[in-house]
Amino acid sequence: MNQDRAETATKSMGPEPNLKSKTPQASRSTLPYDQLKSRKIAVVFVTADQPATPR
């Protein structure tokens, strides 16, 4: 029973790093972070463009 559980655990842990190491999966996972980053930068630029407007 324990051996079967260990085997399933190793099997479930095995494919995850492989998918993460693959370039398409990595780019797809980092895409939302890049979008958030670009949004943050855009917000910073907008606030920098309008320094006269009071908050």
Protein backbone atom coordinates (compact mmCIF):
# COMPACT_ATOMS: atom_id res chain seq x y z
CA MET A 1 0.00 0.00 0.00
CA ASN A 2 2.69 2.50 1.00
CA GLN A 3 4.87 1.48 -1.94
CA ASP A 4 1.96 2.08 -4.36
CA ARG A 5 1.38 5.50 -2.82
CA ALA A 6 5.07 6.35 -3.13
CA GLU A 7 5.04 5.26 -6.79
CA THR A 8 1.97 7.40 -7.54
CA ALA A 9 3.58 10.34 -5.72
CA THR A 10 6.77 10.03 -7.77
CA LYS A 11 4.72 9.63 -10.96
CA SER A 12 2.64 12.74 -10.14
CA MET A 13 5.79 14.70 -9.27
CA GLY A 14 7.66 13.49 -12.34
CA PRO A 15 5.70 15.12 -15.20
CA GLU A 16 5.30 18.48 -13.42
CA PRO A 17 8.96 19.62 -13.64
CA ASN A 18 9.17 18.27 -17.21
CA LEU A 19 6.19 20.42 -18.24
CA LYS A 20 7.68 23.41 -16.46
CA SER A 21 11.05 22.88 -18.17
CA LYS A 22 9.36 22.83 -21.61
CA THR A 23 9.52 26.24 -23.27
CA PRO A 24 5.84 26.55 -24.37
CA GLN A 25 4.54 25.70 -20.91
CA ALA A 26 6.98 28.12 -19.28
CA SER A 27 6.11 30.96 -21.65
CA ARG A 28 2.40 30.30 -21.16
CA SER A 29 2.79 30.32 -17.36
CA THR A 30 4.88 33.51 -17.37
CA LEU A 31 2.48 35.28 -19.77
CA PRO A 32 0.03 36.52 -17.07
CA TYR A 33 2.94 37.74 -14.94
CA ASP A 34 4.32 39.67 -17.91
CA GLN A 35 0.87 41.16 -18.54
CA LEU A 36 0.64 42.29 -14.90
CA LYS A 37 4.15 43.69 -15.12
CA SER A 38 3.36 45.62 -18.30
CA ARG A 39 0.14 46.89 -16.70
CA LYS A 40 2.06 48.08 -13.65
CA ILE A 41 4.61 49.82 -15.87
CA ALA A 42 1.77 51.37 -17.90
CA VAL A 43 0.16 52.65 -14.70
CA VAL A 44 3.49 54.10 -13.57
CA PHE A 45 3.91 55.82 -16.95
CA VAL A 46 0.37 57.21 -16.80
CA THR A 47 0.94 58.61 -13.30
CA ALA A 48 4.28 60.05 -14.45
CA ASP A 49 2.60 61.67 -17.47
CA GLN A 50 0.03 63.36 -15.23
CA PRO A 51 1.98 64.75 -12.23
CA ALA A 52 -0.18 67.92 -12.01
CA THR A 53 -3.42 66.00 -11.35
CA PRO A 54 -4.05 65.88 -7.57
CA ARG A 55 -4.69 62.46 -6.07
